Amino acid sequence: MLKQAAVPAALALAGAVVALLWDSTAARAVAFALFGIACVVAVALVFLAVGRSEDAERAASAPSPPPPPPDDHERPAVTRRRPRPPRRPS
């Protein structure tokens, strides 16, 4: 989880560096975009962590499903398929 948190932190740091080193409109736009992307990635990672923990909790509390019943009957429809029509010459 710490590796994943490094990505938005690095993007936010890059945005701060761009904002501090350059003083142009384009640099401000790039810094704002980097910071915005960092925030979106951070929120997405929070949702990912919550979802993973819920999945793990659900898997731990749910009993394993029973095995499927054996297939005792024949399947005549599989063996009695209608033949395909002949191909048209191209």
C-alpha atoms as a PDB file:
ATOM      1  CA  MET A   1       0.000   0.000   0.000  1.00  0.00           C
ATOM      2  CA  LEU A   2       2.914   2.314   0.649  1.00  0.00           C
ATOM      3  CA  LYS A   3       4.151   1.882  -2.929  1.00  0.00           C
ATOM      4  CA  GLN A   4       0.748   2.908  -4.228  1.00  0.00           C
ATOM      5  CA  ALA A   5       0.686   5.994  -2.003  1.00  0.00           C
ATOM      6  CA  ALA A   6       4.022   7.099  -3.442  1.00  0.00           C
ATOM      7  CA  VAL A   7       2.474   7.807  -6.852  1.00  0.00           C
ATOM      8  CA  PRO A   8       0.086  10.598  -5.794  1.00  0.00           C
ATOM      9  CA  ALA A   9       2.706  11.983  -3.429  1.00  0.00           C
ATOM     10  CA  ALA A  10       5.225  12.153  -6.272  1.00  0.00           C
ATOM     11  CA  LEU A  11       2.694  13.823  -8.563  1.00  0.00           C
ATOM     12  CA  ALA A  12       1.822  16.399  -5.901  1.00  0.00           C
ATOM     13  CA  LEU A  13       5.512  17.030  -5.262  1.00  0.00           C
ATOM     14  CA  ALA A  14       6.134  17.471  -8.976  1.00  0.00           C
ATOM     15  CA  GLY A  15       3.270  19.953  -9.122  1.00  0.00           C
ATOM     16  CA  ALA A  16       4.709  21.892  -6.202  1.00  0.00           C
ATOM     17  CA  VAL A  17       8.171  21.957  -7.787  1.00  0.00           C
ATOM     18  CA  VAL A  18       6.763  23.217 -11.084  1.00  0.00           C
ATOM     19  CA  ALA A  19       4.746  25.890  -9.279  1.00  0.00           C
ATOM     20  CA  LEU A  20       7.769  27.082  -7.291  1.00  0.00           C
ATOM     21  CA  LEU A  21      10.403  27.026 -10.038  1.00  0.00           C
ATOM     22  CA  TRP A  22       8.498  28.595 -12.934  1.00  0.00           C
ATOM     23  CA  ASP A  23       6.254  31.629 -12.868  1.00  0.00           C
ATOM     24  CA  SER A  24       4.290  31.453 -16.085  1.00  0.00           C
ATOM     25  CA  THR A  25       0.689  30.726 -16.890  1.00  0.00           C
ATOM     26  CA  ALA A  26       1.601  27.434 -18.550  1.00  0.00           C
ATOM     27  CA  ALA A  27       3.636  26.350 -15.518  1.00  0.00           C
ATOM     28  CA  ARG A  28       0.731  27.176 -13.220  1.00  0.00           C
ATOM     29  CA  ALA A  29      -1.602  25.135 -15.430  1.00  0.00           C
ATOM     30  CA  VAL A  30       0.802  22.183 -15.420  1.00  0.00           C
ATOM     31  CA  ALA A  31       1.231  22.422 -11.638  1.00  0.00           C
ATOM     32  CA  PHE A  32      -2.538  22.585 -11.140  1.00  0.00           C
ATOM     33  CA  ALA A  33      -3.038  19.605 -13.467  1.00  0.00           C
ATOM     34  CA  LEU A  34      -0.393  17.537 -11.669  1.00  0.00           C
ATOM     35  CA  PHE A  35      -1.902  18.334  -8.302  1.00  0.00           C
ATOM     36  CA  GLY A  36      -5.400  17.518  -9.565  1.00  0.00           C
ATOM     37  CA  ILE A  37      -4.259  14.187 -10.995  1.00  0.00           C
ATOM     38  CA  ALA A  38      -2.550  13.412  -7.692  1.00  0.00           C
ATOM     39  CA  CYS A  39      -5.799  14.060  -5.823  1.00  0.00           C
ATOM     40  CA  VAL A  40      -7.819  11.870  -8.196  1.00  0.00           C
ATOM     41  CA  VAL A  41      -5.300   9.025  -7.917  1.00  0.00           C
ATOM     42  CA  ALA A  42      -5.276   9.330  -4.122  1.00  0.00           C
ATOM     43  CA  VAL A  43      -9.081   9.113  -3.908  1.00  0.00           C
ATOM     44  CA  ALA A  44      -9.082   6.149  -6.301  1.00  0.00           C
ATOM     45  CA  LEU A  45      -6.519   4.376  -4.120  1.00  0.00           C
ATOM     46  CA  VAL A  46      -8.663   4.956  -1.040  1.00  0.00           C
ATOM     47  CA  PHE A  47     -11.652   3.374  -2.790  1.00  0.00           C
ATOM     48  CA  LEU A  48      -9.428   0.488  -3.921  1.00  0.00           C
ATOM     49  CA  ALA A  49      -8.235  -0.132  -0.359  1.00  0.00           C
ATOM     50  CA  VAL A  50     -11.791  -0.057   1.012  1.00  0.00           C
ATOM     51  CA  GLY A  51     -13.004  -2.424  -1.694  1.00  0.00           C
ATOM     52  CA  ARG A  52     -10.174  -4.873  -1.120  1.00  0.00           C
ATOM     53  CA  SER A  53     -10.780  -4.939   2.631  1.00  0.00           C
ATOM     54  CA  GLU A  54     -14.506  -5.510   2.113  1.00  0.00           C
ATOM     55  CA  ASP A  55     -13.789  -8.331  -0.340  1.00  0.00           C
ATOM     56  CA  ALA A  56     -11.358  -9.951   2.083  1.00  0.00           C
ATOM     57  CA  GLU A  57     -13.847  -9.648   4.952  1.00  0.00           C
ATOM     58  CA  ARG A  58     -16.642 -11.108   2.840  1.00  0.00           C
ATOM     59  CA  ALA A  59     -14.443 -14.001   1.686  1.00  0.00           C
ATOM     60  CA  ALA A  60     -13.373 -14.777   5.241  1.00  0.00           C
ATOM     61  CA  SER A  61     -16.914 -14.793   6.616  1.00  0.00           C
ATOM     62  CA  ALA A  62     -18.639 -16.664   3.787  1.00  0.00           C
ATOM     63  CA  PRO A  63     -18.679 -20.460   3.904  1.00  0.00           C
ATOM     64  CA  SER A  64     -17.343 -22.268   0.900  1.00  0.00           C
ATOM     65  CA  PRO A  65     -20.037 -23.194  -1.614  1.00  0.00           C
ATOM     66  CA  PRO A  66     -21.022 -26.847  -1.902  1.00  0.00           C
ATOM     67  CA  PRO A  67     -19.584 -28.764  -4.829  1.00  0.00           C
ATOM     68  CA  PRO A  68     -21.788 -28.918  -7.923  1.00  0.00           C
ATOM     69  CA  PRO A  69     -23.902 -32.044  -8.324  1.00  0.00           C
ATOM     70  CA  PRO A  70     -22.646 -34.637 -10.768  1.00  0.00           C
ATOM     71  CA  ASP A  71     -24.076 -34.558 -14.269  1.00  0.00           C
ATOM     72  CA  ASP A  72     -25.945 -37.878 -14.423  1.00  0.00           C
ATOM     73  CA  HIS A  73     -28.200 -37.278 -17.406  1.00  0.00           C
ATOM     74  CA  GLU A  74     -27.277 -37.425 -21.040  1.00  0.00           C
ATOM     75  CA  ARG A  75     -27.357 -34.350 -23.169  1.00  0.00           C
ATOM     76  CA  PRO A  76     -28.970 -35.383 -26.455  1.00  0.00           C
ATOM     77  CA  ALA A  77     -29.118 -31.846 -27.804  1.00  0.00           C
ATOM     78  CA  VAL A  78     -25.333 -31.695 -27.933  1.00  0.00           C
ATOM     79  CA  THR A  79     -25.030 -34.828 -30.041  1.00  0.00           C
ATOM     80  CA  ARG A  80     -28.105 -34.092 -32.167  1.00  0.00           C
ATOM     81  CA  ARG A  81     -27.067 -30.701 -33.481  1.00  0.00           C
ATOM     82  CA  ARG A  82     -28.374 -29.580 -36.814  1.00  0.00           C
ATOM     83  CA  PRO A  83     -25.629 -29.552 -39.453  1.00  0.00           C
ATOM     84  CA  ARG A  84     -24.395 -26.210 -40.677  1.00  0.00           C
ATOM     85  CA  PRO A  85     -25.529 -25.126 -44.134  1.00  0.00           C
ATOM     86  CA  PRO A  86     -22.959 -25.315 -46.953  1.00  0.00           C
ATOM     87  CA  ARG A  87     -20.779 -22.271 -47.485  1.00  0.00           C
ATOM     88  CA  ARG A  88     -21.404 -20.003 -50.410  1.00  0.00           C
ATOM     89  CA  PRO A  89     -18.565 -19.691 -52.888  1.00  0.00           C
ATOM     90  CA  SER A  90     -16.856 -16.347 -52.592  1.00  0.00           C
END
